[in-house]
Protein backbone atom coordinates (compact mmCIF):
# COMPACT_ATOMS: atom_id res chain seq x y z
CA MET A 1 36.11 2.85 -24.58
CA GLY A 2 38.43 0.83 -23.15
CA GLY A 3 37.73 -2.16 -22.18
CA THR A 4 36.54 -5.98 -23.63
CA SER A 5 33.38 -5.06 -25.29
CA VAL A 6 30.40 -7.23 -25.86
CA LEU A 7 26.61 -7.27 -27.69
CA LEU A 8 23.85 -6.01 -26.09
CA ALA A 9 20.80 -6.40 -27.96
CA VAL A 10 18.39 -3.40 -27.79
CA GLY A 11 15.40 -3.09 -30.01
CA GLY A 12 17.05 -5.92 -31.94
CA VAL A 13 19.83 -3.64 -32.83
CA ALA A 14 23.44 -5.44 -31.42
CA VAL A 15 25.18 -2.63 -29.29
CA PRO A 16 28.47 -3.20 -27.95
CA LEU A 17 29.44 -2.03 -24.63
CA PRO A 18 32.03 -2.42 -22.25
CA SER A 19 32.67 -5.54 -20.12
CA THR A 20 31.33 -3.84 -17.27
CA ALA A 21 28.34 -2.52 -18.82
CA GLY A 22 27.59 -5.79 -20.38
CA ALA A 23 27.81 -7.69 -16.91
CA CYS A 24 25.25 -4.81 -15.63
CA ALA A 25 22.85 -5.52 -18.14
CA ALA A 26 23.29 -9.10 -17.73
CA LEU A 27 22.87 -9.25 -13.89
CA CYS A 28 19.16 -6.47 -14.90
CA VAL A 29 18.00 -9.26 -17.66
CA GLY A 30 18.80 -12.02 -14.78
CA ALA A 31 17.55 -9.53 -12.61
CA LEU A 32 13.93 -9.11 -14.26
CA VAL A 33 13.61 -12.64 -15.43
CA LEU A 34 13.80 -13.76 -11.78
CA GLY A 35 10.50 -11.70 -10.98
CA ARG A 36 8.51 -11.56 -7.97
CA GLY A 37 8.33 -14.92 -6.88
CA GLY A 38 12.08 -15.28 -7.27
CA TRP A 39 13.54 -11.98 -5.42
CA SER A 40 10.40 -12.94 -2.29
CA ARG A 41 12.10 -16.59 -2.40
CA LEU A 42 15.47 -15.56 -2.39
CA ALA A 43 14.50 -12.62 0.76
CA GLU A 44 13.00 -15.69 2.74
CA SER A 45 15.81 -17.55 2.24
CA LEU A 46 17.83 -15.08 3.66
CA GLY A 47 15.89 -14.26 6.78
CA GLY A 48 15.08 -18.07 7.06
CA HIS A 49 12.21 -19.47 6.07
CA GLY A 50 10.04 -17.61 9.23
CA GLY A 51 10.75 -14.19 7.22
CA PRO A 52 8.32 -11.30 7.52
CA PRO A 53 6.78 -11.25 4.31
CA ALA A 54 6.80 -7.22 3.96
CA ALA A 55 10.56 -7.26 4.05
CA ALA A 56 10.54 -9.93 1.09
CA SER A 57 8.04 -7.89 -0.78
CA LEU A 58 10.12 -4.82 -0.08
CA LEU A 59 13.68 -6.90 -0.99
CA ALA A 60 11.41 -7.89 -4.47
CA ARG A 61 10.37 -4.54 -5.20
CA LEU A 62 13.51 -2.99 -4.60
CA GLY A 63 15.62 -5.77 -6.59
CA ARG A 64 12.80 -5.48 -9.80
CA GLY A 65 13.28 -1.22 -9.24
CA LEU A 66 17.32 -1.62 -9.76
CA ALA A 67 17.30 -4.12 -12.07
CA ALA A 68 15.02 -1.80 -14.47
CA ALA A 69 16.82 1.22 -13.79
CA ALA A 70 19.72 -0.62 -14.37
CA LEU A 71 19.04 -1.85 -17.68
CA VAL A 72 17.76 1.83 -18.26
CA TRP A 73 20.79 3.21 -17.69
CA VAL A 74 23.08 0.54 -19.71
CA ALA A 75 20.22 1.62 -22.67
CA ALA A 76 19.75 5.31 -22.69
CA GLY A 77 22.35 6.37 -19.83
CA PRO A 78 22.52 8.01 -16.76
CA GLY A 79 19.97 10.50 -17.34
CA ALA A 80 17.52 8.47 -18.16
CA ALA A 81 17.70 5.79 -15.30
CA LEU A 82 17.79 8.54 -12.86
CA ILE A 83 14.53 9.89 -14.41
CA ALA A 84 13.17 6.51 -14.58
CA ALA A 85 14.05 5.54 -11.16
CA THR A 86 12.63 8.63 -9.85
CA ALA A 87 9.32 8.19 -11.62
CA SER A 88 9.28 3.86 -10.33
CA ALA A 89 10.19 5.15 -6.84
CA VAL A 90 6.67 8.11 -7.05
CA ALA A 91 4.45 5.36 -8.42
CA VAL A 92 5.83 2.73 -5.74
CA LEU A 93 4.93 5.32 -2.75
CA VAL A 94 1.32 6.47 -4.74
CA MET A 95 0.29 2.74 -5.35
CA GLY A 96 1.17 1.93 -1.74
CA ALA A 97 -0.37 4.49 -0.19
CA ARG A 98 -3.70 3.87 -1.97
CA ARG A 99 -3.25 0.01 -1.00
CA ARG A 100 -2.81 0.94 3.01
CA GLN A 101 -5.70 3.16 2.55
CA ALA A 102 -7.92 -0.27 1.33
CA ALA A 103 -6.42 -2.26 3.57
CA ALA A 104 -7.84 0.26 6.72
CA ASP A 105 -10.64 0.65 5.31
CA LEU A 106 -10.88 -2.88 4.75
CA ARG A 107 -9.95 -3.39 8.40
CA GLY A 108 -12.39 -0.90 9.14
CA ARG A 109 -15.69 -2.62 7.98
CA GLU A 110 -14.58 -5.29 10.01
CA VAL A 111 -14.65 -3.61 13.15
CA VAL A 112 -18.36 -2.52 12.14
CA ARG A 113 -18.84 -6.36 12.07
CA LEU A 114 -17.30 -7.32 14.85
CA CYS A 115 -19.11 -4.99 16.77
CA ALA A 116 -22.44 -6.28 15.63
CA ALA A 117 -21.61 -10.14 15.79
CA LEU A 118 -20.27 -9.35 19.32
CA SER A 119 -23.41 -7.73 20.50
CA ALA A 120 -25.49 -9.94 18.65
CA GLU A 121 -23.91 -12.84 20.73
CA LEU A 122 -23.91 -10.81 24.25
CA ALA A 123 -27.86 -9.88 23.63
CA GLY A 124 -28.13 -14.26 23.91
CA GLY A 125 -26.37 -14.36 27.10
CA VAL A 126 -23.11 -15.47 25.80
CA ALA A 127 -20.28 -14.41 28.64
CA PRO A 128 -18.02 -11.47 26.96
CA VAL A 129 -14.88 -13.66 26.10
CA ASP A 130 -17.37 -16.80 25.30
CA ALA A 131 -18.92 -14.62 22.71
CA LEU A 132 -15.69 -13.41 21.18
CA ARG A 133 -14.53 -16.91 20.50
CA ARG A 134 -17.88 -17.48 18.86
CA VAL A 135 -17.88 -14.61 16.36
CA VAL A 136 -14.50 -15.91 15.57
CA VAL A 137 -15.83 -19.34 14.32
CA VAL A 138 -18.50 -17.81 12.66
CA ASP A 139 -16.14 -15.42 10.95
CA ARG A 140 -12.77 -16.12 10.66
CA ALA A 141 -11.98 -13.03 8.91
CA LEU A 142 -11.96 -11.64 12.02
CA GLU A 143 -9.56 -13.86 13.78
CA PRO A 144 -6.61 -11.37 12.75
CA LEU A 145 -8.52 -8.81 15.04
CA VAL A 146 -9.31 -10.81 18.01
CA ALA A 147 -7.13 -13.21 18.38
CA PRO A 148 -4.39 -11.24 20.36
CA VAL A 149 -7.49 -10.18 23.12
CA LEU A 150 -8.35 -13.58 23.27
CA ARG A 151 -4.57 -14.84 23.75
CA ALA A 152 -4.31 -11.94 26.89
CA ASP A 153 -7.77 -13.62 28.52
CA ASP A 154 -5.73 -16.79 28.04
CA LEU A 155 -2.64 -15.66 29.79
CA GLY A 156 -4.76 -13.87 32.28
CA GLY A 157 -3.79 -10.20 30.96
CA ASP A 158 -6.47 -7.09 30.77
CA VAL A 159 -8.51 -7.37 28.17
CA SER A 160 -9.63 -3.90 27.46
CA ASP A 161 -5.81 -2.98 27.34
CA ALA A 162 -5.46 -5.76 24.58
CA TRP A 163 -7.95 -4.05 22.65
CA ARG A 164 -6.24 -0.95 23.16
CA ARG A 165 -2.87 -1.99 21.93
CA GLN A 166 -4.60 -4.01 19.08
CA ALA A 167 -6.01 -0.82 17.87
CA SER A 168 -2.49 0.95 17.49
CA ARG A 169 -0.56 -1.55 16.04
CA VAL A 170 -3.54 -2.01 13.34
CA PRO A 171 -4.13 0.50 10.79
CA GLY A 172 -7.42 0.97 10.45
CA ALA A 173 -8.34 -0.34 13.12
CA GLU A 174 -7.88 1.92 15.42
CA ARG A 175 -11.95 2.45 17.50
CA LEU A 176 -10.85 -1.31 18.54
CA ALA A 177 -9.77 1.11 21.38
CA ASP A 178 -13.68 2.04 21.99
CA ILE A 179 -14.68 -1.69 22.29
CA GLY A 180 -11.62 -1.72 24.82
CA THR A 181 -13.13 1.39 26.63
CA CYS A 182 -16.58 -0.12 27.03
CA TRP A 183 -15.36 -3.61 28.20
CA ALA A 184 -13.52 -1.61 31.06
CA VAL A 185 -17.02 0.01 31.57
CA SER A 186 -19.10 -3.00 31.67
CA ALA A 187 -16.18 -4.62 34.18
CA ARG A 188 -16.10 -1.55 36.48
CA THR A 189 -19.81 -0.77 36.77
CA GLY A 190 -21.43 -3.89 35.54
CA SER A 191 -22.94 -1.74 32.86
CA SER A 192 -24.59 -4.18 29.45
CA LEU A 193 -21.68 -4.62 27.36
CA GLY A 194 -23.63 -6.01 24.31
CA ARG A 195 -25.87 -2.71 24.45
CA SER A 196 -22.94 -0.26 24.57
CA VAL A 197 -20.60 -2.21 21.87
CA GLY A 198 -24.23 -2.26 19.57
CA ALA A 199 -24.38 1.34 19.64
CA LEU A 200 -20.71 1.46 18.84
CA GLY A 201 -21.02 -0.36 15.64
CA GLU A 202 -24.54 1.29 14.74
CA SER A 203 -22.41 4.73 14.58
CA LEU A 204 -18.95 3.22 13.06
CA GLY A 205 -21.75 1.51 10.18
CA ARG A 206 -22.91 5.06 9.97
CA ARG A 207 -20.01 6.88 9.44
CA ALA A 208 -18.85 3.98 6.91
CA ARG A 209 -21.86 4.78 4.92
CA HIS A 210 -21.02 8.31 4.70
CA ARG A 211 -17.75 7.68 3.79
CA ALA A 212 -19.15 5.65 0.93
CA GLU A 213 -21.67 7.97 -0.19
CA VAL A 214 -18.46 10.91 -0.23
CA ASP A 215 -16.67 8.48 -2.21
CA SER A 216 -19.06 7.87 -4.76
CA ARG A 217 -19.54 11.59 -4.93
CA LEU A 218 -16.18 12.01 -5.63
CA ALA A 219 -15.10 9.45 -7.94
CA GLY A 220 -15.73 11.92 -10.72
CA ALA A 221 -13.11 14.65 -9.18
CA ARG A 222 -10.65 11.74 -8.51
CA SER A 223 -10.88 10.13 -12.44
CA THR A 224 -10.03 13.96 -13.23
CA ALA A 225 -7.35 14.09 -11.17
CA ARG A 226 -6.13 10.86 -12.29
CA LEU A 227 -6.68 12.08 -15.83
CA LEU A 228 -4.57 15.16 -15.91
CA ALA A 229 -1.84 13.10 -13.75
CA ALA A 230 -1.25 11.44 -16.98
CA LEU A 231 -1.50 13.93 -19.73
CA PRO A 232 2.20 14.71 -19.26
CA LEU A 233 2.97 11.11 -20.64
CA ALA A 234 0.15 11.10 -23.38
CA GLY A 235 1.76 14.31 -24.72
CA ILE A 236 5.10 12.52 -25.01
CA LEU A 237 3.22 9.83 -26.69
CA LEU A 238 1.51 12.21 -28.78
CA GLY A 239 4.67 14.49 -29.96
CA SER A 240 6.68 11.05 -30.64
CA SER A 241 4.52 9.77 -32.96
CA MET A 242 3.99 13.15 -34.81
CA GLY A 243 8.03 13.34 -35.01
CA ALA A 244 8.73 15.83 -32.41
CA SER A 245 11.19 13.78 -30.65
CA PRO A 246 10.43 15.18 -26.68
CA LEU A 247 12.14 12.13 -25.19
CA GLU A 248 15.60 13.74 -26.72
CA SER A 249 15.16 17.07 -25.54
CA LEU A 250 13.53 16.14 -21.95
CA ILE A 251 16.45 13.42 -21.65
CA GLY A 252 19.38 14.65 -23.54
CA THR A 253 18.85 18.29 -21.90
CA GLY A 254 19.58 19.69 -18.25
CA TRP A 255 16.82 21.92 -18.73
CA GLY A 256 14.55 19.16 -19.89
CA ARG A 257 15.33 17.19 -17.20
CA ALA A 258 14.71 19.52 -14.38
CA CYS A 259 11.06 20.06 -15.96
CA VAL A 260 10.66 16.37 -16.08
CA PHE A 261 11.36 16.42 -12.15
CA ALA A 262 9.05 19.19 -12.11
CA GLY A 263 6.23 17.31 -13.67
CA ILE A 264 6.69 14.33 -11.26
CA VAL A 265 6.60 16.65 -8.09
CA LEU A 266 4.00 18.58 -9.19
CA ASP A 267 1.66 15.51 -10.46
CA VAL A 268 2.68 14.08 -6.98
CA VAL A 269 1.65 17.01 -4.95
CA GLY A 270 -2.00 17.37 -6.98
CA LEU A 271 -2.48 13.72 -5.99
CA ARG A 272 -1.97 13.80 -2.68
CA TRP A 273 -3.59 16.92 -2.45
CA SER A 274 -6.76 14.98 -4.38
CA ALA A 275 -6.64 12.10 -1.62
CA ALA A 276 -6.30 14.95 1.29
CA VAL A 277 -9.73 16.43 0.07
CA ARG A 278 -11.37 13.34 -0.43
CA ARG A 279 -10.17 12.31 3.42
CA ARG A 280 -11.42 15.69 4.86
CA ALA A 281 -14.71 15.30 3.09
CA ALA A 282 -15.03 11.77 4.58
CA GLN A 283 -14.32 12.68 8.22
CA ALA A 284 -16.90 15.85 7.90
């Protein structure tokens, strides 16, 4: 290769690289050393001190992924880098979906707690907005759900509409719209808001218990699906330990790379199908 060469230590072996690749490798190592905190601080500095945390986290993950892919490119070639990048993207998507589902489940449980606490305060004869304020004082974890509604009331807005807007903005808290409906009906007809919110909380609690029971019954099937998804990697490790060198065939040939991509796609389809079965069973 042309150009001034540099040396990159890969697995304890000095490998000569062109100057461009050496610079790329240096940048990769620097990016990996920078880590999540450094990338997050960089993103926040680019977006100002008040930059959104989600953007900082996204830039951090993007930086780490690009750094790892480029390092694999330098060490093992473009084919391996493309496979590594694809596998990393799939892993990020799967883990992101799992985190979003966990956050949505947490919000759903918070809505149940909100209904129970609000119903208890209203049963004591407290005015609806004052009851909301007392609920937030007692349970600070509910403040993100309730704060926009209280702000709407302070500004003279429609509280029931504020509940509906909050339901549309927060994943997993869609049933806040039902609280808004109860609020509107109570304001229009004079019916008991505490009784309707309490009934709503009991209904949501029964659904949450049903989902928890479904999750516990499907735990074995979910573990089996994850084990099956990891079996190809175990097969590669087993083949390597036996001296078969499967990575050379998978990365070094066109058919091998096609098999890797097909395997990744099938793994994703299987995991998504398993998650869909769980969601349908929970909604039944």
